Amino acid sequence: MASPITQITKRQWTTEEIRQQNLYELETMIAEQNQALNKLLAITGDLDKAGVLDAVVAMVKAKEGIAEIVMEQATRKPVTNLINNMMSAAGALTAIDPSSTEKLASSAVHGLKEAESQNHNGKKLGVFQMVKAFRDPDVNRAIKFGLNFLKGMGKGLDK
């Protein structure tokens, strides 16, 4: 009868065996990805012919100088103002209900189309026509919306 196993030893791979295993895995991957590697080599060859790789190498060598220039440009007052304005605008847009924005945008598009079609009719606008326009439900709705918008904006400016 065989003796019981009392100790398990983990096999230690030599550096040469690990190297051979890595080479085998690399060969397998190259064989499986032959077409992709050929395309990649063609792209890098074209980039080298165009001088792009030389430019990339030069940029990598000059990375500290480029980083300094980028930081110098990014910390200029107009750039920081732009970033701050974009962040404020993004914050304002996230506070608005998307359905309201969609309705307002489509209404503005419709209004622009209507204004463009009526703008070239050659008729002058008289005082009585303006008074009559206030009674038009569509015009009245837009004026009411504009006045409510201005009232809300005024309240916001008071804070």
N, C-alpha and C. Protein backbone atom coordinates (compact mmCIF):
# COMPACT_ATOMS: atom_id res chain seq x y z
N MET A 1 0.83 -1.16 0.00
CA MET A 1 0.00 0.00 0.00
C MET A 1 0.89 1.25 0.00
N ALA A 2 0.42 2.33 -0.64
CA ALA A 2 1.22 3.53 -0.77
C ALA A 2 1.16 4.35 0.51
N SER A 3 2.20 5.12 0.73
CA SER A 3 2.22 5.96 1.93
C SER A 3 1.40 7.23 1.68
N PRO A 4 0.74 7.75 2.68
CA PRO A 4 -0.10 8.95 2.50
C PRO A 4 0.76 10.19 2.23
N ILE A 5 0.15 11.14 1.46
CA ILE A 5 0.84 12.40 1.17
C ILE A 5 0.73 13.28 2.39
N THR A 6 1.83 13.72 2.88
CA THR A 6 1.83 14.55 4.08
C THR A 6 2.29 15.98 3.79
N GLN A 7 2.85 16.19 2.63
CA GLN A 7 3.37 17.51 2.32
C GLN A 7 3.22 17.77 0.82
N ILE A 8 2.71 18.97 0.48
CA ILE A 8 2.58 19.35 -0.92
C ILE A 8 3.59 20.46 -1.18
N THR A 9 4.40 20.23 -2.17
CA THR A 9 5.40 21.25 -2.52
C THR A 9 4.99 21.92 -3.82
N LYS A 10 5.07 23.21 -3.81
CA LYS A 10 4.75 23.99 -5.00
C LYS A 10 5.96 24.00 -5.91
N ARG A 11 5.70 23.73 -7.18
CA ARG A 11 6.81 23.69 -8.14
C ARG A 11 7.31 25.09 -8.40
N GLN A 12 8.55 25.30 -8.32
CA GLN A 12 9.18 26.57 -8.60
C GLN A 12 9.68 26.57 -10.04
N TRP A 13 9.17 27.52 -10.82
CA TRP A 13 9.60 27.62 -12.21
C TRP A 13 10.91 28.39 -12.28
N THR A 14 11.77 27.93 -13.13
CA THR A 14 13.04 28.65 -13.33
C THR A 14 12.77 29.82 -14.26
N THR A 15 13.68 30.77 -14.25
CA THR A 15 13.50 31.93 -15.12
C THR A 15 13.49 31.52 -16.59
N GLU A 16 14.24 30.52 -16.94
CA GLU A 16 14.27 30.04 -18.33
C GLU A 16 12.93 29.42 -18.70
N GLU A 17 12.33 28.66 -17.80
CA GLU A 17 11.02 28.06 -18.07
C GLU A 17 9.94 29.13 -18.21
N ILE A 18 10.00 30.14 -17.36
CA ILE A 18 9.05 31.26 -17.44
C ILE A 18 9.22 31.99 -18.76
N ARG A 19 10.46 32.20 -19.16
CA ARG A 19 10.76 32.88 -20.44
C ARG A 19 10.22 32.07 -21.60
N GLN A 20 10.43 30.77 -21.57
CA GLN A 20 9.93 29.89 -22.64
C GLN A 20 8.39 29.93 -22.69
N GLN A 21 7.74 29.93 -21.54
CA GLN A 21 6.28 29.98 -21.49
C GLN A 21 5.78 31.31 -22.06
N ASN A 22 6.42 32.39 -21.69
CA ASN A 22 6.04 33.71 -22.21
C ASN A 22 6.23 33.78 -23.72
N LEU A 23 7.32 33.25 -24.23
CA LEU A 23 7.56 33.22 -25.68
C LEU A 23 6.49 32.39 -26.39
N TYR A 24 6.12 31.27 -25.81
CA TYR A 24 5.09 30.43 -26.41
C TYR A 24 3.75 31.17 -26.47
N GLU A 25 3.38 31.86 -25.37
CA GLU A 25 2.14 32.63 -25.34
C GLU A 25 2.18 33.75 -26.37
N LEU A 26 3.31 34.41 -26.51
CA LEU A 26 3.46 35.48 -27.49
C LEU A 26 3.33 34.94 -28.90
N GLU A 27 3.95 33.81 -29.19
CA GLU A 27 3.83 33.18 -30.52
C GLU A 27 2.38 32.84 -30.83
N THR A 28 1.67 32.32 -29.84
CA THR A 28 0.27 31.96 -30.02
C THR A 28 -0.56 33.20 -30.33
N MET A 29 -0.34 34.27 -29.58
CA MET A 29 -1.10 35.51 -29.82
C MET A 29 -0.79 36.09 -31.19
N ILE A 30 0.45 36.06 -31.61
CA ILE A 30 0.84 36.57 -32.93
C ILE A 30 0.15 35.76 -34.02
N ALA A 31 0.13 34.45 -33.85
CA ALA A 31 -0.50 33.59 -34.85
C ALA A 31 -2.00 33.85 -34.92
N GLU A 32 -2.64 34.08 -33.78
CA GLU A 32 -4.09 34.31 -33.75
C GLU A 32 -4.45 35.70 -34.28
N GLN A 33 -3.59 36.68 -34.09
CA GLN A 33 -3.89 38.07 -34.47
C GLN A 33 -3.07 38.53 -35.66
N ASN A 34 -2.79 37.66 -36.57
CA ASN A 34 -1.92 37.96 -37.71
C ASN A 34 -2.43 39.14 -38.53
N GLN A 35 -3.72 39.12 -38.89
CA GLN A 35 -4.27 40.20 -39.72
C GLN A 35 -4.22 41.54 -39.00
N ALA A 36 -4.59 41.53 -37.73
CA ALA A 36 -4.59 42.78 -36.96
C ALA A 36 -3.17 43.34 -36.85
N LEU A 37 -2.20 42.47 -36.63
CA LEU A 37 -0.81 42.92 -36.53
C LEU A 37 -0.31 43.49 -37.85
N ASN A 38 -0.69 42.86 -38.96
CA ASN A 38 -0.29 43.38 -40.28
C ASN A 38 -0.88 44.77 -40.51
N LYS A 39 -2.13 44.97 -40.12
CA LYS A 39 -2.75 46.28 -40.26
C LYS A 39 -2.05 47.31 -39.38
N LEU A 40 -1.76 46.91 -38.15
CA LEU A 40 -1.08 47.81 -37.22
C LEU A 40 0.29 48.20 -37.74
N LEU A 41 1.02 47.25 -38.28
CA LEU A 41 2.34 47.54 -38.84
C LEU A 41 2.22 48.46 -40.07
N ALA A 42 1.19 48.26 -40.88
CA ALA A 42 0.99 49.13 -42.05
C ALA A 42 0.68 50.56 -41.60
N ILE A 43 -0.14 50.69 -40.56
CA ILE A 43 -0.47 52.03 -40.05
C ILE A 43 0.77 52.71 -39.50
N THR A 44 1.54 52.00 -38.69
CA THR A 44 2.74 52.63 -38.14
C THR A 44 3.75 52.96 -39.23
N GLY A 45 3.81 52.14 -40.28
CA GLY A 45 4.69 52.45 -41.41
C GLY A 45 4.25 53.73 -42.09
N ASP A 46 2.95 53.89 -42.30
CA ASP A 46 2.43 55.12 -42.92
C ASP A 46 2.68 56.33 -42.03
N LEU A 47 2.50 56.16 -40.73
CA LEU A 47 2.76 57.27 -39.81
C LEU A 47 4.23 57.66 -39.82
N ASP A 48 5.11 56.68 -39.92
CA ASP A 48 6.54 56.96 -39.97
C ASP A 48 6.90 57.70 -41.26
N LYS A 49 6.33 57.25 -42.39
CA LYS A 49 6.60 57.92 -43.67
C LYS A 49 6.12 59.37 -43.65
N ALA A 50 5.00 59.60 -42.97
CA ALA A 50 4.44 60.96 -42.91
C ALA A 50 5.17 61.83 -41.89
N GLY A 51 6.06 61.25 -41.10
CA GLY A 51 6.82 62.02 -40.12
C GLY A 51 6.11 62.19 -38.80
N VAL A 52 4.95 61.55 -38.65
CA VAL A 52 4.19 61.69 -37.42
C VAL A 52 4.92 61.05 -36.24
N LEU A 53 5.52 59.90 -36.46
CA LEU A 53 6.23 59.24 -35.36
C LEU A 53 7.41 60.07 -34.88
N ASP A 54 8.10 60.72 -35.81
CA ASP A 54 9.21 61.60 -35.40
C ASP A 54 8.69 62.74 -34.53
N ALA A 55 7.53 63.27 -34.90
CA ALA A 55 6.94 64.36 -34.11
C ALA A 55 6.54 63.86 -32.72
N VAL A 56 5.99 62.65 -32.65
CA VAL A 56 5.61 62.08 -31.36
C VAL A 56 6.84 61.85 -30.49
N VAL A 57 7.90 61.32 -31.08
CA VAL A 57 9.14 61.09 -30.33
C VAL A 57 9.68 62.42 -29.81
N ALA A 58 9.66 63.44 -30.65
CA ALA A 58 10.14 64.76 -30.22
C ALA A 58 9.28 65.31 -29.08
N MET A 59 7.96 65.09 -29.18
CA MET A 59 7.07 65.56 -28.11
C MET A 59 7.33 64.83 -26.80
N VAL A 60 7.59 63.54 -26.89
CA VAL A 60 7.88 62.76 -25.67
C VAL A 60 9.18 63.25 -25.03
N LYS A 61 10.18 63.53 -25.86
CA LYS A 61 11.46 64.03 -25.33
C LYS A 61 11.29 65.41 -24.70
N ALA A 62 10.38 66.22 -25.27
CA ALA A 62 10.19 67.58 -24.77
C ALA A 62 8.96 67.69 -23.86
N LYS A 63 8.57 66.58 -23.24
CA LYS A 63 7.33 66.54 -22.47
C LYS A 63 7.28 67.57 -21.35
N GLU A 64 8.39 67.83 -20.69
CA GLU A 64 8.39 68.79 -19.60
C GLU A 64 8.15 70.20 -20.13
N GLY A 65 8.79 70.54 -21.23
CA GLY A 65 8.59 71.86 -21.83
C GLY A 65 7.17 72.04 -22.33
N ILE A 66 6.62 70.98 -22.95
CA ILE A 66 5.24 71.04 -23.45
C ILE A 66 4.27 71.17 -22.29
N ALA A 67 4.50 70.40 -21.23
CA ALA A 67 3.62 70.47 -20.06
C ALA A 67 3.65 71.87 -19.45
N GLU A 68 4.82 72.46 -19.43
CA GLU A 68 4.95 73.82 -18.89
C GLU A 68 4.16 74.81 -19.73
N ILE A 69 4.25 74.70 -21.04
CA ILE A 69 3.51 75.60 -21.94
C ILE A 69 2.01 75.39 -21.77
N VAL A 70 1.58 74.13 -21.70
CA VAL A 70 0.15 73.84 -21.55
C VAL A 70 -0.37 74.42 -20.24
N MET A 71 0.37 74.24 -19.17
CA MET A 71 -0.06 74.78 -17.88
C MET A 71 -0.07 76.31 -17.90
N GLU A 72 0.90 76.89 -18.58
CA GLU A 72 0.95 78.35 -18.70
C GLU A 72 -0.29 78.86 -19.43
N GLN A 73 -0.64 78.19 -20.52
CA GLN A 73 -1.80 78.60 -21.30
C GLN A 73 -3.11 78.34 -20.55
N ALA A 74 -3.18 77.22 -19.84
CA ALA A 74 -4.41 76.83 -19.15
C ALA A 74 -4.70 77.73 -17.96
N THR A 75 -3.68 78.35 -17.39
CA THR A 75 -3.90 79.19 -16.21
C THR A 75 -4.08 80.67 -16.58
N ARG A 76 -4.11 80.98 -17.85
CA ARG A 76 -4.37 82.36 -18.26
C ARG A 76 -5.79 82.75 -17.87
N LYS A 77 -6.02 84.01 -17.60
CA LYS A 77 -7.32 84.50 -17.14
C LYS A 77 -8.45 84.17 -18.13
N PRO A 78 -8.29 84.39 -19.43
CA PRO A 78 -9.40 84.05 -20.34
C PRO A 78 -9.76 82.56 -20.32
N VAL A 79 -8.76 81.70 -20.17
CA VAL A 79 -9.02 80.26 -20.17
C VAL A 79 -9.74 79.86 -18.89
N THR A 80 -9.29 80.40 -17.76
CA THR A 80 -9.97 80.07 -16.50
C THR A 80 -11.39 80.62 -16.51
N ASN A 81 -11.58 81.81 -17.10
CA ASN A 81 -12.94 82.35 -17.23
C ASN A 81 -13.82 81.43 -18.08
N LEU A 82 -13.25 80.94 -19.18
CA LEU A 82 -14.00 80.03 -20.05
C LEU A 82 -14.39 78.76 -19.30
N ILE A 83 -13.45 78.18 -18.58
CA ILE A 83 -13.74 76.96 -17.82
C ILE A 83 -14.80 77.22 -16.77
N ASN A 84 -14.68 78.33 -16.04
CA ASN A 84 -15.67 78.66 -15.01
C ASN A 84 -17.05 78.91 -15.63
N ASN A 85 -17.09 79.60 -16.76
CA ASN A 85 -18.37 79.85 -17.43
C ASN A 85 -19.00 78.56 -17.92
N MET A 86 -18.18 77.66 -18.46
CA MET A 86 -18.70 76.39 -18.94
C MET A 86 -19.25 75.57 -17.77
N MET A 87 -18.57 75.58 -16.65
CA MET A 87 -19.05 74.84 -15.48
C MET A 87 -20.35 75.45 -14.96
N SER A 88 -20.45 76.77 -14.94
CA SER A 88 -21.69 77.42 -14.49
C SER A 88 -22.84 77.13 -15.44
N ALA A 89 -22.55 77.18 -16.75
CA ALA A 89 -23.59 76.88 -17.74
C ALA A 89 -24.04 75.43 -17.63
N ALA A 90 -23.10 74.54 -17.42
CA ALA A 90 -23.45 73.12 -17.26
C ALA A 90 -24.29 72.93 -16.01
N GLY A 91 -23.96 73.63 -14.94
CA GLY A 91 -24.75 73.55 -13.72
C GLY A 91 -26.16 74.07 -13.93
N ALA A 92 -26.28 75.16 -14.67
CA ALA A 92 -27.60 75.72 -14.96
C ALA A 92 -28.42 74.77 -15.83
N LEU A 93 -27.77 74.17 -16.81
CA LEU A 93 -28.48 73.24 -17.70
C LEU A 93 -28.94 71.99 -16.96
N THR A 94 -28.17 71.54 -15.99
CA THR A 94 -28.59 70.35 -15.25
C THR A 94 -29.76 70.65 -14.32
N ALA A 95 -29.95 71.92 -13.97
CA ALA A 95 -31.06 72.29 -13.09
C ALA A 95 -32.38 72.44 -13.84
N ILE A 96 -32.32 72.52 -15.18
CA ILE A 96 -33.52 72.72 -15.99
C ILE A 96 -34.07 71.38 -16.42
N ASP A 97 -35.39 71.26 -16.35
CA ASP A 97 -36.06 70.04 -16.79
C ASP A 97 -35.88 69.89 -18.30
N PRO A 98 -35.39 68.74 -18.77
CA PRO A 98 -35.14 68.55 -20.20
C PRO A 98 -36.38 68.74 -21.07
N SER A 99 -37.56 68.39 -20.56
CA SER A 99 -38.77 68.58 -21.36
C SER A 99 -39.06 70.06 -21.56
N SER A 100 -38.75 70.89 -20.55
CA SER A 100 -38.93 72.34 -20.70
C SER A 100 -37.96 72.89 -21.74
N THR A 101 -36.72 72.42 -21.70
CA THR A 101 -35.73 72.87 -22.67
C THR A 101 -36.14 72.47 -24.08
N GLU A 102 -36.62 71.24 -24.22
CA GLU A 102 -37.04 70.76 -25.54
C GLU A 102 -38.22 71.58 -26.07
N LYS A 103 -39.20 71.86 -25.19
CA LYS A 103 -40.37 72.64 -25.60
C LYS A 103 -39.96 74.06 -25.99
N LEU A 104 -39.08 74.66 -25.20
CA LEU A 104 -38.62 76.02 -25.49
C LEU A 104 -37.84 76.07 -26.80
N ALA A 105 -36.96 75.09 -27.01
CA ALA A 105 -36.16 75.07 -28.24
C ALA A 105 -37.04 74.86 -29.47
N SER A 106 -37.98 73.93 -29.39
CA SER A 106 -38.85 73.70 -30.55
C SER A 106 -39.75 74.90 -30.80
N SER A 107 -40.18 75.58 -29.73
CA SER A 107 -40.99 76.79 -29.90
C SER A 107 -40.17 77.91 -30.55
N ALA A 108 -38.91 78.02 -30.14
CA ALA A 108 -38.04 79.04 -30.74
C ALA A 108 -37.81 78.76 -32.22
N VAL A 109 -37.62 77.49 -32.58
CA VAL A 109 -37.45 77.13 -33.98
C VAL A 109 -38.71 77.47 -34.78
N HIS A 110 -39.85 77.10 -34.22
CA HIS A 110 -41.12 77.40 -34.90
C HIS A 110 -41.31 78.91 -35.04
N GLY A 111 -40.96 79.65 -33.97
CA GLY A 111 -41.07 81.11 -34.03
C GLY A 111 -40.15 81.73 -35.06
N LEU A 112 -38.94 81.22 -35.18
CA LEU A 112 -38.00 81.73 -36.18
C LEU A 112 -38.50 81.47 -37.60
N LYS A 113 -39.06 80.30 -37.82
CA LYS A 113 -39.62 79.98 -39.14
C LYS A 113 -40.77 80.91 -39.47
N GLU A 114 -41.66 81.12 -38.51
CA GLU A 114 -42.81 82.01 -38.71
C GLU A 114 -42.35 83.44 -38.98
N ALA A 115 -41.37 83.90 -38.19
CA ALA A 115 -40.86 85.26 -38.37
C ALA A 115 -40.21 85.42 -39.73
N GLU A 116 -39.46 84.41 -40.16
CA GLU A 116 -38.80 84.49 -41.46
C GLU A 116 -39.82 84.51 -42.60
N SER A 117 -40.87 83.71 -42.48
CA SER A 117 -41.87 83.67 -43.56
C SER A 117 -42.67 84.96 -43.62
N GLN A 118 -42.94 85.59 -42.47
CA GLN A 118 -43.74 86.81 -42.45
C GLN A 118 -42.91 88.08 -42.62
N ASN A 119 -41.61 87.97 -42.49
CA ASN A 119 -40.74 89.15 -42.53
C ASN A 119 -40.66 89.77 -43.92
N HIS A 120 -40.85 88.98 -44.96
CA HIS A 120 -40.66 89.47 -46.32
C HIS A 120 -41.98 89.77 -47.02
N ASN A 121 -43.06 89.96 -46.27
CA ASN A 121 -44.33 90.24 -46.93
C ASN A 121 -44.48 91.71 -47.32
N GLY A 122 -43.62 92.58 -46.85
CA GLY A 122 -43.60 93.98 -47.27
C GLY A 122 -44.60 94.86 -46.55
N LYS A 123 -45.39 94.32 -45.64
CA LYS A 123 -46.38 95.12 -44.91
C LYS A 123 -45.73 95.80 -43.72
N LYS A 124 -46.17 97.04 -43.48
CA LYS A 124 -45.69 97.75 -42.30
C LYS A 124 -46.61 97.43 -41.14
N LEU A 125 -46.05 97.48 -39.94
CA LEU A 125 -46.80 97.18 -38.74
C LEU A 125 -47.29 98.48 -38.12
N GLY A 126 -48.61 98.62 -38.00
CA GLY A 126 -49.20 99.83 -37.42
C GLY A 126 -49.52 99.62 -35.95
N VAL A 127 -49.90 100.73 -35.30
CA VAL A 127 -50.20 100.70 -33.87
C VAL A 127 -51.42 99.81 -33.61
N PHE A 128 -52.46 99.93 -34.46
CA PHE A 128 -53.65 99.12 -34.25
C PHE A 128 -53.37 97.64 -34.46
N GLN A 129 -52.49 97.34 -35.38
CA GLN A 129 -52.11 95.94 -35.58
C GLN A 129 -51.36 95.39 -34.36
N MET A 130 -50.56 96.23 -33.73
CA MET A 130 -49.85 95.78 -32.52
C MET A 130 -50.85 95.51 -31.40
N VAL A 131 -51.84 96.41 -31.23
CA VAL A 131 -52.85 96.21 -30.19
C VAL A 131 -53.63 94.94 -30.48
N LYS A 132 -53.97 94.73 -31.75
CA LYS A 132 -54.70 93.54 -32.16
C LYS A 132 -53.85 92.28 -31.91
N ALA A 133 -52.54 92.39 -32.11
CA ALA A 133 -51.64 91.26 -31.91
C ALA A 133 -51.62 90.83 -30.45
N PHE A 134 -51.80 91.79 -29.52
CA PHE A 134 -51.84 91.44 -28.10
C PHE A 134 -53.02 90.54 -27.77
N ARG A 135 -54.09 90.64 -28.57
CA ARG A 135 -55.27 89.80 -28.35
C ARG A 135 -55.11 88.41 -28.96
N ASP A 136 -54.13 88.25 -29.84
CA ASP A 136 -53.88 86.94 -30.44
C ASP A 136 -53.38 86.00 -29.33
N PRO A 137 -54.02 84.82 -29.16
CA PRO A 137 -53.64 83.93 -28.06
C PRO A 137 -52.17 83.48 -28.13
N ASP A 138 -51.64 83.25 -29.32
CA ASP A 138 -50.25 82.82 -29.45
C ASP A 138 -49.29 83.93 -29.04
N VAL A 139 -49.56 85.15 -29.50
CA VAL A 139 -48.71 86.29 -29.13
C VAL A 139 -48.82 86.55 -27.64
N ASN A 140 -50.05 86.50 -27.12
CA ASN A 140 -50.27 86.74 -25.71
C ASN A 140 -49.53 85.71 -24.86
N ARG A 141 -49.56 84.44 -25.28
CA ARG A 141 -48.87 83.38 -24.56
C ARG A 141 -47.36 83.65 -24.52
N ALA A 142 -46.80 84.06 -25.66
CA ALA A 142 -45.36 84.33 -25.72
C ALA A 142 -44.98 85.54 -24.88
N ILE A 143 -45.81 86.59 -24.91
CA ILE A 143 -45.52 87.78 -24.10
C ILE A 143 -45.62 87.45 -22.62
N LYS A 144 -46.66 86.68 -22.24
CA LYS A 144 -46.81 86.28 -20.84
C LYS A 144 -45.61 85.46 -20.39
N PHE A 145 -45.18 84.52 -21.24
CA PHE A 145 -44.01 83.70 -20.91
C PHE A 145 -42.79 84.60 -20.73
N GLY A 146 -42.59 85.55 -21.64
CA GLY A 146 -41.44 86.45 -21.55
C GLY A 146 -41.47 87.30 -20.30
N LEU A 147 -42.64 87.81 -19.96
CA LEU A 147 -42.76 88.63 -18.75
C LEU A 147 -42.51 87.80 -17.49
N ASN A 148 -43.05 86.57 -17.46
CA ASN A 148 -42.80 85.69 -16.31
C ASN A 148 -41.32 85.33 -16.22
N PHE A 149 -40.70 85.11 -17.37
CA PHE A 149 -39.26 84.83 -17.39
C PHE A 149 -38.48 86.01 -16.81
N LEU A 150 -38.82 87.22 -17.26
CA LEU A 150 -38.13 88.41 -16.76
C LEU A 150 -38.36 88.60 -15.26
N LYS A 151 -39.58 88.30 -14.78
CA LYS A 151 -39.87 88.43 -13.36
C LYS A 151 -39.01 87.44 -12.55
N GLY A 152 -38.95 86.20 -13.02
CA GLY A 152 -38.13 85.20 -12.33
C GLY A 152 -36.66 85.55 -12.37
N MET A 153 -36.21 86.07 -13.49
CA MET A 153 -34.82 86.47 -13.62
C MET A 153 -34.50 87.63 -12.68
N GLY A 154 -35.44 88.56 -12.56
CA GLY A 154 -35.26 89.68 -11.64
C GLY A 154 -35.17 89.22 -10.19
N LYS A 155 -35.99 88.23 -9.84
CA LYS A 155 -35.92 87.67 -8.48
C LYS A 155 -34.57 87.02 -8.25
N GLY A 156 -34.08 86.32 -9.27
CA GLY A 156 -32.77 85.68 -9.15
C GLY A 156 -31.64 86.69 -9.04
N LEU A 157 -31.78 87.81 -9.73
CA LEU A 157 -30.74 88.85 -9.66
C LEU A 157 -30.74 89.57 -8.32
N ASP A 158 -31.88 89.54 -7.63
CA ASP A 158 -31.99 90.22 -6.35
C ASP A 158 -31.24 89.47 -5.25
N LYS A 159 -31.00 88.18 -5.44
CA LYS A 159 -30.34 87.36 -4.40
C LYS A 159 -28.87 87.69 -4.29
